Amino acid sequence: MERVADKREQMKQDSKHDDWLFEQLKDANFAAEFLNLAGEDDDPKTYLTALRKVVEARGGFASTAEKAQVSRETLYRTLSVRGNPTIKTLNAVLKATGLKFCVTAP
C-alpha cells in the first residue's frame, strides 16, 4: 500500500510542477529561455518536448496549428518524439507562439 501512496504523492507533485511550468511558459521571455536551454541538449527530442510544452501553454495545438498554417494532426506528429520538423515548420510554429529563432555566439 505504501507504494501506491508514494505514487499518488509523486503524481500530485508532478501535476503541481506541470501547472507551474504551464503558467511560466505563458511569459515569452521564460518560454524563449526554456527553449534555448532545451536546445543545448544533444538529443533533439528534448527540444521537441520543450516546444510541445510551449505550444500547449501559449495557445494550444489547434490555435497554433491554424496560425502556423498546418493541420493539428501534422503539428502533433511534428512535435512528437519521433518528429523531424523542417526549419520552415519550426519557424512557423515559433511565430505562431509569439517567438522567433535567434542565433547567438556561445
N, C-alpha and C. Protein backbone atom coordinates (compact mmCIF):
# COMPACT_ATOMS: atom_id res chain seq x y z
N MET A 1 0.81 -1.20 0.00
CA MET A 1 0.00 0.00 0.00
C MET A 1 0.85 1.27 0.00
N GLU A 2 2.01 1.19 0.62
CA GLU A 2 2.87 2.37 0.68
C GLU A 2 3.29 2.82 -0.71
N ARG A 3 3.54 1.88 -1.60
CA ARG A 3 3.96 2.24 -2.95
C ARG A 3 2.87 3.01 -3.68
N VAL A 4 1.62 2.62 -3.48
CA VAL A 4 0.51 3.33 -4.11
C VAL A 4 0.44 4.75 -3.58
N ALA A 5 0.59 4.90 -2.28
CA ALA A 5 0.56 6.23 -1.67
C ALA A 5 1.72 7.07 -2.17
N ASP A 6 2.90 6.47 -2.31
CA ASP A 6 4.07 7.18 -2.83
C ASP A 6 3.84 7.64 -4.27
N LYS A 7 3.24 6.77 -5.06
CA LYS A 7 2.96 7.13 -6.46
C LYS A 7 1.94 8.26 -6.54
N ARG A 8 0.93 8.22 -5.69
CA ARG A 8 -0.06 9.30 -5.67
C ARG A 8 0.60 10.63 -5.31
N GLU A 9 1.47 10.60 -4.32
CA GLU A 9 2.15 11.82 -3.90
C GLU A 9 3.04 12.35 -5.02
N GLN A 10 3.74 11.46 -5.70
CA GLN A 10 4.59 11.87 -6.82
C GLN A 10 3.75 12.47 -7.94
N MET A 11 2.59 11.88 -8.21
CA MET A 11 1.70 12.41 -9.24
C MET A 11 1.21 13.80 -8.88
N LYS A 12 0.91 14.03 -7.60
CA LYS A 12 0.48 15.36 -7.15
C LYS A 12 1.61 16.37 -7.36
N GLN A 13 2.83 15.97 -7.02
CA GLN A 13 3.97 16.86 -7.18
C GLN A 13 4.23 17.15 -8.65
N ASP A 14 4.13 16.12 -9.50
CA ASP A 14 4.31 16.30 -10.95
C ASP A 14 3.26 17.25 -11.50
N SER A 15 2.04 17.08 -11.04
CA SER A 15 0.94 17.93 -11.50
C SER A 15 1.17 19.38 -11.10
N LYS A 16 1.61 19.58 -9.86
CA LYS A 16 1.91 20.95 -9.40
C LYS A 16 3.02 21.56 -10.24
N HIS A 17 4.05 20.78 -10.54
CA HIS A 17 5.16 21.27 -11.36
C HIS A 17 4.67 21.61 -12.76
N ASP A 18 3.85 20.73 -13.34
CA ASP A 18 3.32 20.98 -14.68
C ASP A 18 2.48 22.25 -14.70
N ASP A 19 1.66 22.44 -13.69
CA ASP A 19 0.83 23.65 -13.59
C ASP A 19 1.72 24.89 -13.49
N TRP A 20 2.76 24.81 -12.68
CA TRP A 20 3.69 25.93 -12.52
C TRP A 20 4.39 26.23 -13.84
N LEU A 21 4.89 25.19 -14.49
CA LEU A 21 5.60 25.37 -15.75
C LEU A 21 4.68 25.96 -16.81
N PHE A 22 3.46 25.46 -16.89
CA PHE A 22 2.49 25.96 -17.85
C PHE A 22 2.28 27.47 -17.67
N GLU A 23 2.14 27.91 -16.45
CA GLU A 23 1.96 29.34 -16.17
C GLU A 23 3.20 30.14 -16.54
N GLN A 24 4.38 29.61 -16.24
CA GLN A 24 5.63 30.31 -16.55
C GLN A 24 5.83 30.44 -18.06
N LEU A 25 5.44 29.40 -18.81
CA LEU A 25 5.65 29.40 -20.25
C LEU A 25 4.75 30.39 -20.99
N LYS A 26 3.77 30.92 -20.32
CA LYS A 26 2.93 31.96 -20.92
C LYS A 26 3.71 33.25 -21.11
N ASP A 27 4.79 33.42 -20.35
CA ASP A 27 5.67 34.57 -20.48
C ASP A 27 6.66 34.30 -21.62
N ALA A 28 6.70 35.19 -22.60
CA ALA A 28 7.54 34.98 -23.78
C ALA A 28 9.01 34.85 -23.44
N ASN A 29 9.51 35.65 -22.51
CA ASN A 29 10.93 35.58 -22.15
C ASN A 29 11.26 34.24 -21.50
N PHE A 30 10.39 33.78 -20.62
CA PHE A 30 10.62 32.49 -19.98
C PHE A 30 10.57 31.37 -21.01
N ALA A 31 9.57 31.42 -21.91
CA ALA A 31 9.44 30.40 -22.95
C ALA A 31 10.68 30.37 -23.85
N ALA A 32 11.18 31.55 -24.20
CA ALA A 32 12.37 31.61 -25.05
C ALA A 32 13.58 31.00 -24.35
N GLU A 33 13.77 31.32 -23.09
CA GLU A 33 14.90 30.75 -22.33
C GLU A 33 14.73 29.25 -22.16
N PHE A 34 13.51 28.81 -21.92
CA PHE A 34 13.21 27.39 -21.78
C PHE A 34 13.62 26.64 -23.06
N LEU A 35 13.26 27.18 -24.21
CA LEU A 35 13.62 26.56 -25.48
C LEU A 35 15.12 26.64 -25.75
N ASN A 36 15.74 27.76 -25.40
CA ASN A 36 17.19 27.88 -25.59
C ASN A 36 17.93 26.83 -24.77
N LEU A 37 17.50 26.62 -23.53
CA LEU A 37 18.14 25.61 -22.69
C LEU A 37 17.90 24.21 -23.24
N ALA A 38 16.69 23.95 -23.72
CA ALA A 38 16.39 22.64 -24.30
C ALA A 38 17.23 22.41 -25.55
N GLY A 39 17.52 23.46 -26.29
CA GLY A 39 18.32 23.35 -27.50
C GLY A 39 19.77 23.02 -27.23
N GLU A 40 20.22 23.20 -26.00
CA GLU A 40 21.60 22.87 -25.64
C GLU A 40 21.81 21.37 -25.48
N ASP A 41 20.72 20.63 -25.33
CA ASP A 41 20.82 19.18 -25.19
C ASP A 41 21.14 18.58 -26.56
N ASP A 42 21.97 17.56 -26.58
CA ASP A 42 22.35 16.92 -27.84
C ASP A 42 21.21 16.10 -28.47
N ASP A 43 20.21 15.77 -27.68
CA ASP A 43 19.10 14.96 -28.18
C ASP A 43 17.97 15.88 -28.67
N PRO A 44 17.65 15.85 -29.96
CA PRO A 44 16.60 16.72 -30.49
C PRO A 44 15.23 16.48 -29.86
N LYS A 45 15.03 15.30 -29.29
CA LYS A 45 13.76 15.00 -28.61
C LYS A 45 13.52 15.98 -27.47
N THR A 46 14.59 16.41 -26.82
CA THR A 46 14.46 17.36 -25.72
C THR A 46 13.85 18.66 -26.20
N TYR A 47 14.34 19.16 -27.33
CA TYR A 47 13.81 20.41 -27.87
C TYR A 47 12.36 20.25 -28.31
N LEU A 48 12.05 19.14 -28.97
CA LEU A 48 10.67 18.92 -29.41
C LEU A 48 9.72 18.81 -28.23
N THR A 49 10.14 18.15 -27.16
CA THR A 49 9.32 18.05 -25.97
C THR A 49 9.09 19.44 -25.36
N ALA A 50 10.14 20.23 -25.31
CA ALA A 50 10.03 21.59 -24.77
C ALA A 50 9.12 22.44 -25.64
N LEU A 51 9.26 22.34 -26.94
CA LEU A 51 8.43 23.12 -27.85
C LEU A 51 6.96 22.70 -27.73
N ARG A 52 6.73 21.42 -27.53
CA ARG A 52 5.37 20.93 -27.34
C ARG A 52 4.75 21.58 -26.10
N LYS A 53 5.51 21.68 -25.03
CA LYS A 53 5.01 22.33 -23.80
C LYS A 53 4.73 23.81 -24.04
N VAL A 54 5.60 24.46 -24.80
CA VAL A 54 5.39 25.88 -25.13
C VAL A 54 4.12 26.05 -25.94
N VAL A 55 3.91 25.19 -26.92
CA VAL A 55 2.70 25.25 -27.74
C VAL A 55 1.46 25.09 -26.86
N GLU A 56 1.49 24.12 -25.96
CA GLU A 56 0.35 23.89 -25.08
C GLU A 56 0.06 25.11 -24.21
N ALA A 57 1.10 25.74 -23.71
CA ALA A 57 0.93 26.88 -22.79
C ALA A 57 0.57 28.17 -23.52
N ARG A 58 1.01 28.32 -24.75
CA ARG A 58 0.86 29.59 -25.46
C ARG A 58 -0.18 29.54 -26.57
N GLY A 59 -1.27 28.84 -26.32
CA GLY A 59 -2.38 28.86 -27.25
C GLY A 59 -2.98 27.51 -27.55
N GLY A 60 -2.22 26.45 -27.34
CA GLY A 60 -2.73 25.11 -27.62
C GLY A 60 -2.45 24.68 -29.04
N PHE A 61 -2.66 23.40 -29.30
CA PHE A 61 -2.32 22.83 -30.60
C PHE A 61 -3.23 23.34 -31.71
N ALA A 62 -4.52 23.43 -31.48
CA ALA A 62 -5.44 23.84 -32.54
C ALA A 62 -5.14 25.27 -32.99
N SER A 63 -5.01 26.17 -32.04
CA SER A 63 -4.75 27.57 -32.38
C SER A 63 -3.38 27.74 -33.04
N THR A 64 -2.38 27.08 -32.49
CA THR A 64 -1.02 27.19 -33.04
C THR A 64 -0.97 26.60 -34.45
N ALA A 65 -1.62 25.47 -34.66
CA ALA A 65 -1.64 24.85 -35.99
C ALA A 65 -2.29 25.79 -37.00
N GLU A 66 -3.39 26.40 -36.61
CA GLU A 66 -4.07 27.34 -37.51
C GLU A 66 -3.17 28.52 -37.86
N LYS A 67 -2.53 29.10 -36.86
CA LYS A 67 -1.64 30.24 -37.10
C LYS A 67 -0.43 29.85 -37.93
N ALA A 68 0.06 28.63 -37.73
CA ALA A 68 1.24 28.14 -38.46
C ALA A 68 0.87 27.59 -39.83
N GLN A 69 -0.41 27.53 -40.11
CA GLN A 69 -0.93 27.02 -41.38
C GLN A 69 -0.54 25.57 -41.64
N VAL A 70 -0.66 24.77 -40.59
CA VAL A 70 -0.50 23.32 -40.71
C VAL A 70 -1.70 22.68 -40.02
N SER A 71 -1.98 21.43 -40.34
CA SER A 71 -3.09 20.76 -39.66
C SER A 71 -2.69 20.43 -38.22
N ARG A 72 -3.68 20.30 -37.38
CA ARG A 72 -3.42 19.96 -35.98
C ARG A 72 -2.71 18.61 -35.90
N GLU A 73 -3.13 17.66 -36.73
CA GLU A 73 -2.51 16.34 -36.73
C GLU A 73 -1.04 16.42 -37.14
N THR A 74 -0.76 17.26 -38.15
CA THR A 74 0.62 17.45 -38.58
C THR A 74 1.45 18.05 -37.46
N LEU A 75 0.88 19.01 -36.75
CA LEU A 75 1.61 19.63 -35.64
C LEU A 75 1.90 18.61 -34.54
N TYR A 76 0.91 17.81 -34.18
CA TYR A 76 1.14 16.76 -33.18
C TYR A 76 2.26 15.82 -33.64
N ARG A 77 2.19 15.39 -34.88
CA ARG A 77 3.20 14.46 -35.42
C ARG A 77 4.58 15.12 -35.45
N THR A 78 4.62 16.38 -35.89
CA THR A 78 5.88 17.11 -36.00
C THR A 78 6.56 17.27 -34.65
N LEU A 79 5.77 17.51 -33.60
CA LEU A 79 6.36 17.75 -32.28
C LEU A 79 6.42 16.51 -31.41
N SER A 80 6.16 15.35 -32.01
CA SER A 80 6.29 14.11 -31.26
C SER A 80 7.77 13.78 -31.10
N VAL A 81 8.08 12.84 -30.23
CA VAL A 81 9.48 12.46 -30.03
C VAL A 81 10.07 11.83 -31.28
N ARG A 82 9.23 11.40 -32.19
CA ARG A 82 9.70 10.83 -33.45
C ARG A 82 9.65 11.86 -34.58
N GLY A 83 9.24 13.07 -34.26
CA GLY A 83 9.10 14.11 -35.27
C GLY A 83 10.45 14.54 -35.83
N ASN A 84 10.39 15.08 -37.03
CA ASN A 84 11.58 15.57 -37.70
C ASN A 84 11.19 16.82 -38.49
N PRO A 85 10.87 17.90 -37.77
CA PRO A 85 10.34 19.09 -38.44
C PRO A 85 11.38 19.80 -39.30
N THR A 86 10.88 20.44 -40.33
CA THR A 86 11.75 21.27 -41.16
C THR A 86 11.94 22.62 -40.48
N ILE A 87 12.93 23.35 -40.94
CA ILE A 87 13.16 24.71 -40.42
C ILE A 87 11.92 25.56 -40.68
N LYS A 88 11.32 25.39 -41.84
CA LYS A 88 10.13 26.16 -42.20
C LYS A 88 9.01 25.92 -41.19
N THR A 89 8.78 24.66 -40.84
CA THR A 89 7.72 24.34 -39.88
C THR A 89 8.07 24.84 -38.49
N LEU A 90 9.31 24.65 -38.06
CA LEU A 90 9.72 25.16 -36.75
C LEU A 90 9.54 26.67 -36.67
N ASN A 91 9.95 27.35 -37.71
CA ASN A 91 9.83 28.80 -37.74
C ASN A 91 8.36 29.21 -37.66
N ALA A 92 7.49 28.52 -38.40
CA ALA A 92 6.06 28.84 -38.39
C ALA A 92 5.46 28.59 -37.01
N VAL A 93 5.85 27.51 -36.36
CA VAL A 93 5.34 27.19 -35.03
C VAL A 93 5.82 28.21 -34.01
N LEU A 94 7.09 28.56 -34.07
CA LEU A 94 7.60 29.57 -33.15
C LEU A 94 6.88 30.90 -33.33
N LYS A 95 6.70 31.33 -34.57
CA LYS A 95 5.98 32.58 -34.83
C LYS A 95 4.55 32.51 -34.30
N ALA A 96 3.92 31.36 -34.47
CA ALA A 96 2.54 31.18 -34.02
C ALA A 96 2.42 31.27 -32.50
N THR A 97 3.52 30.99 -31.80
CA THR A 97 3.51 31.08 -30.33
C THR A 97 4.06 32.42 -29.84
N GLY A 98 4.37 33.31 -30.79
CA GLY A 98 4.87 34.63 -30.41
C GLY A 98 6.37 34.68 -30.18
N LEU A 99 7.08 33.68 -30.71
CA LEU A 99 8.53 33.60 -30.53
C LEU A 99 9.21 33.59 -31.90
N LYS A 100 10.55 33.61 -31.91
CA LYS A 100 11.27 33.53 -33.17
C LYS A 100 12.64 32.90 -32.92
N PHE A 101 13.23 32.41 -34.02
CA PHE A 101 14.59 31.88 -33.95
C PHE A 101 15.56 33.03 -33.68
N CYS A 102 16.61 32.71 -32.95
CA CYS A 102 17.67 33.69 -32.71
C CYS A 102 18.96 32.91 -32.51
N VAL A 103 19.99 33.30 -33.20
CA VAL A 103 21.28 32.63 -33.08
C VAL A 103 22.23 33.57 -32.37
N THR A 104 22.97 33.05 -31.41
CA THR A 104 23.95 33.85 -30.68
C THR A 104 25.27 33.09 -30.60
N ALA A 105 26.32 33.82 -30.37
CA ALA A 105 27.62 33.18 -30.16
C ALA A 105 27.69 32.66 -28.73
N PRO A 106 28.41 31.56 -28.52
CA PRO A 106 28.50 30.99 -27.17
C PRO A 106 29.21 31.89 -26.19
